[in-house]
Amino acid sequence: MRSGPSRVLRRFTDSIVGGTTRCLVEAARKPAGRAPELPIPSGSRQAAAAVARPSLVQRVIPVTSPRATTTLWRPTGPKELELVRALDWRAWPPRLPEQPIFYPVLNEDYAVRIARDWNVKHDGAGFVTRFDVDSDFVRRYPVRQAGGRTILELWVPAEELDEFNAHIVGGIQVVHEFHAAGETPAAPASTPASGAL
């Protein structure tokens, strides 16, 4: 004979006012004849299980799963990167009047080409940043093909950038940097450590 209660964990999905919630039901064996210690709503699956097995005490444990994210990259120059730093690596700065669209890209290689070949030429340095955005939110922006098969980007209207920023999960990280010949690279401490986000 075992000492102590045995525990049974079971997954189920229950409908809740137009949505779905995933839960675990924890059942602990108690001596026969004892009533459940926690109230169980009538008409619920827990109530049906309690009636079928009156010797079980049950408790609903919500399961929180991490939200799905989409990884995006953004090539940028030193001025914009400094503004991102001022925003604690958690948001992109507002667009200038001549920048009606914010363009994150879906391919790291494409971001590297822009930072290395365009930003270095125009700004003296180019940086590739990586960040995650809530997938459910980012689906509202159709993927745009701006050239070849792998040249993919999202077009986020400038007036929606605050809402976009609110859906960034974690922080913005610098993953590559490029400098004009003879330029001294910035100190690596200019970007947050991946574990600190």
Protein backbone atom coordinates (compact mmCIF):
# COMPACT_ATOMS: atom_id res chain seq x y z
CA MET A 1 0.00 0.00 0.00
CA ARG A 2 1.26 3.49 -0.92
CA SER A 3 1.69 6.19 1.64
CA GLY A 4 0.22 9.62 0.86
CA PRO A 5 -2.32 10.60 -1.77
CA SER A 6 -1.77 9.67 -5.41
CA ARG A 7 -2.14 12.47 -7.91
CA VAL A 8 -3.59 12.30 -11.39
CA LEU A 9 -3.16 15.16 -13.86
CA ARG A 10 -5.44 15.38 -16.85
CA ARG A 11 -5.69 17.93 -19.69
CA PHE A 12 -8.99 19.19 -20.97
CA THR A 13 -10.36 22.07 -22.97
CA ASP A 14 -13.44 23.86 -21.75
CA SER A 15 -15.44 26.51 -23.53
CA ILE A 16 -15.53 29.88 -21.76
CA VAL A 17 -17.71 32.74 -23.08
CA GLY A 18 -16.75 32.62 -26.74
CA GLY A 19 -13.20 31.41 -26.14
CA THR A 20 -11.28 28.36 -25.11
CA THR A 21 -9.25 27.82 -21.99
CA ARG A 22 -6.76 25.01 -21.41
CA CYS A 23 -6.55 23.70 -17.90
CA LEU A 24 -5.13 20.86 -15.89
CA VAL A 25 -7.30 19.11 -13.38
CA GLU A 26 -5.40 17.85 -10.39
CA ALA A 27 -7.12 15.04 -8.59
CA ALA A 28 -5.88 13.84 -5.22
CA ARG A 29 -7.24 10.61 -3.77
CA LYS A 30 -8.88 11.02 -0.42
CA PRO A 31 -10.41 8.34 1.77
CA ALA A 32 -13.82 7.20 0.49
CA GLY A 33 -16.81 8.99 1.92
CA ARG A 34 -15.18 12.41 2.25
CA ALA A 35 -16.71 15.23 0.26
CA PRO A 36 -14.53 17.33 -2.05
CA GLU A 37 -12.81 20.14 -0.15
CA LEU A 38 -13.07 22.71 -2.95
CA PRO A 39 -16.32 23.87 -4.55
CA ILE A 40 -16.84 22.50 -8.06
CA PRO A 41 -19.27 24.37 -10.36
CA SER A 42 -22.32 22.31 -11.24
CA GLY A 43 -22.63 21.36 -14.89
CA SER A 44 -18.86 21.43 -15.39
CA ARG A 45 -16.63 18.55 -16.39
CA GLN A 46 -15.10 18.71 -12.92
CA ALA A 47 -18.53 18.20 -11.35
CA ALA A 48 -19.23 15.22 -13.63
CA ALA A 49 -15.87 13.69 -12.70
CA ALA A 50 -16.49 14.32 -8.99
CA VAL A 51 -19.86 12.59 -9.18
CA ALA A 52 -18.31 9.66 -11.04
CA ARG A 53 -15.49 9.43 -8.46
CA PRO A 54 -16.67 10.99 -5.20
CA SER A 55 -13.40 10.04 -3.49
CA LEU A 56 -11.38 12.54 -5.55
CA VAL A 57 -10.65 16.14 -4.62
CA GLN A 58 -10.13 18.21 -7.74
CA ARG A 59 -8.69 21.59 -8.40
CA VAL A 60 -8.44 23.42 -11.72
CA ILE A 61 -4.95 24.70 -12.56
CA PRO A 62 -4.81 27.18 -15.48
CA VAL A 63 -2.08 26.41 -17.98
CA THR A 64 -0.38 29.49 -19.32
CA SER A 65 1.51 28.77 -22.49
CA PRO A 66 3.94 31.31 -23.85
CA ARG A 67 2.42 33.31 -26.66
CA ALA A 68 3.66 32.52 -30.13
CA THR A 69 6.09 35.06 -31.54
CA THR A 70 7.50 35.90 -34.95
CA THR A 71 11.16 36.88 -35.21
CA LEU A 72 11.86 39.97 -37.30
CA TRP A 73 15.06 41.81 -38.20
CA ARG A 74 15.68 45.46 -38.89
CA PRO A 75 18.77 46.94 -40.51
CA THR A 76 19.51 50.35 -39.05
CA GLY A 77 22.09 53.09 -38.84
CA PRO A 78 23.75 54.56 -35.74
CA LYS A 79 21.24 57.42 -35.27
CA GLU A 80 18.19 55.17 -35.14
CA LEU A 81 20.09 52.66 -32.98
CA GLU A 82 20.84 55.41 -30.46
CA LEU A 83 17.10 56.21 -30.29
CA VAL A 84 16.33 52.50 -29.69
CA ARG A 85 18.89 52.53 -26.86
CA ALA A 86 17.16 55.60 -25.37
CA LEU A 87 13.91 53.58 -25.41
CA ASP A 88 15.63 50.89 -23.29
CA TRP A 89 15.84 48.45 -26.25
CA ARG A 90 12.07 47.86 -26.08
CA ALA A 91 10.64 50.00 -28.92
CA TRP A 92 11.31 51.66 -32.25
CA PRO A 93 11.30 55.46 -32.37
CA PRO A 94 8.55 57.38 -34.16
CA ARG A 95 9.00 57.78 -37.91
CA LEU A 96 10.04 61.09 -39.37
CA PRO A 97 7.50 62.88 -41.63
CA GLU A 98 9.31 61.56 -44.73
CA GLN A 99 9.11 57.98 -43.35
CA PRO A 100 5.44 56.93 -43.59
CA ILE A 101 6.26 53.21 -43.27
CA PHE A 102 8.32 51.16 -40.78
CA TYR A 103 9.95 48.20 -42.58
CA PRO A 104 11.04 45.22 -40.47
CA VAL A 105 12.27 42.30 -42.58
CA LEU A 106 11.65 38.55 -42.32
CA ASN A 107 15.08 37.34 -43.36
CA GLU A 108 18.36 37.88 -41.52
CA ASP A 109 20.44 37.67 -44.71
CA TYR A 110 18.38 40.44 -46.31
CA ALA A 111 18.86 42.62 -43.19
CA VAL A 112 22.63 41.97 -43.30
CA ARG A 113 22.82 43.04 -46.96
CA ILE A 114 21.00 46.32 -46.25
CA ALA A 115 23.05 47.15 -43.13
CA ARG A 116 26.37 46.26 -44.77
CA ASP A 117 25.76 47.64 -48.27
CA TRP A 118 23.44 50.60 -47.67
CA ASN A 119 23.73 51.79 -44.05
CA VAL A 120 27.54 51.65 -44.02
CA LYS A 121 27.69 53.65 -47.26
CA HIS A 122 25.21 56.31 -46.07
CA ASP A 123 25.79 56.38 -42.28
CA GLY A 124 29.32 55.05 -41.79
CA ALA A 125 27.96 52.03 -39.87
CA GLY A 126 25.16 49.52 -40.18
CA PHE A 127 23.55 47.31 -37.57
CA VAL A 128 21.21 44.34 -37.81
CA THR A 129 18.72 44.05 -34.98
CA ARG A 130 16.53 41.08 -34.08
CA PHE A 131 13.31 41.17 -32.10
CA ASP A 132 10.18 39.10 -31.55
CA VAL A 133 6.60 40.28 -32.03
CA ASP A 134 3.36 38.62 -30.96
CA SER A 135 2.41 36.42 -33.94
CA ASP A 136 -1.34 36.99 -33.63
CA PHE A 137 -0.78 40.75 -33.83
CA VAL A 138 1.79 40.74 -36.64
CA ARG A 139 -0.50 38.72 -38.95
CA ARG A 140 -2.41 41.93 -39.70
CA TYR A 141 0.52 43.07 -41.85
CA PRO A 142 0.82 41.21 -45.15
CA VAL A 143 4.28 40.03 -46.16
CA ARG A 144 5.62 42.14 -49.05
CA GLN A 145 8.13 40.81 -51.51
CA ALA A 146 10.47 43.71 -52.29
CA GLY A 147 12.58 41.93 -54.88
CA GLY A 148 13.83 38.34 -54.97
CA ARG A 149 12.26 35.36 -53.21
CA THR A 150 14.00 36.07 -49.90
CA ILE A 151 13.56 39.84 -49.89
CA LEU A 152 10.53 39.90 -47.64
CA GLU A 153 9.36 42.70 -45.36
CA LEU A 154 6.36 43.97 -43.47
CA TRP A 155 4.98 47.44 -44.03
CA VAL A 156 3.81 48.98 -40.77
CA PRO A 157 2.20 52.42 -41.20
CA ALA A 158 3.92 55.07 -39.06
CA GLU A 159 0.67 55.83 -37.22
CA GLU A 160 0.52 52.18 -36.04
CA LEU A 161 4.09 52.00 -34.74
CA ASP A 162 3.15 52.63 -31.07
CA GLU A 163 0.76 49.66 -31.18
CA PHE A 164 3.39 47.57 -32.99
CA ASN A 165 5.93 48.45 -30.27
CA ALA A 166 3.46 47.35 -27.58
CA HIS A 167 3.49 43.86 -29.13
CA ILE A 168 7.27 43.43 -29.09
CA VAL A 169 8.05 40.47 -26.82
CA GLY A 170 11.32 40.84 -24.91
CA GLY A 171 13.71 43.41 -26.31
CA ILE A 172 15.56 44.49 -29.42
CA GLN A 173 19.05 43.03 -29.83
CA VAL A 174 21.93 43.97 -32.11
CA VAL A 175 23.08 40.76 -33.81
CA HIS A 176 25.49 42.16 -36.45
CA GLU A 177 27.38 45.41 -36.95
CA PHE A 178 29.34 46.74 -39.90
CA HIS A 179 31.63 49.78 -40.11
CA ALA A 180 33.28 51.73 -42.89
CA ALA A 181 36.96 50.93 -43.45
CA GLY A 182 39.06 52.60 -40.77
CA GLU A 183 36.08 53.17 -38.43
CA THR A 184 36.30 51.92 -34.84
CA PRO A 185 33.34 49.71 -33.87
CA ALA A 186 31.13 50.78 -30.96
CA ALA A 187 31.57 48.94 -27.67
CA PRO A 188 29.59 45.68 -27.58
CA ALA A 189 27.99 46.79 -24.30
CA SER A 190 25.78 49.10 -26.36
CA THR A 191 23.18 46.34 -26.72
CA PRO A 192 21.43 44.42 -23.96
CA ALA A 193 22.64 40.91 -23.19
CA SER A 194 20.24 38.29 -24.54
CA GLY A 195 19.74 36.82 -21.08
CA ALA A 196 18.81 40.20 -19.61
CA LEU A 197 15.67 40.58 -21.67
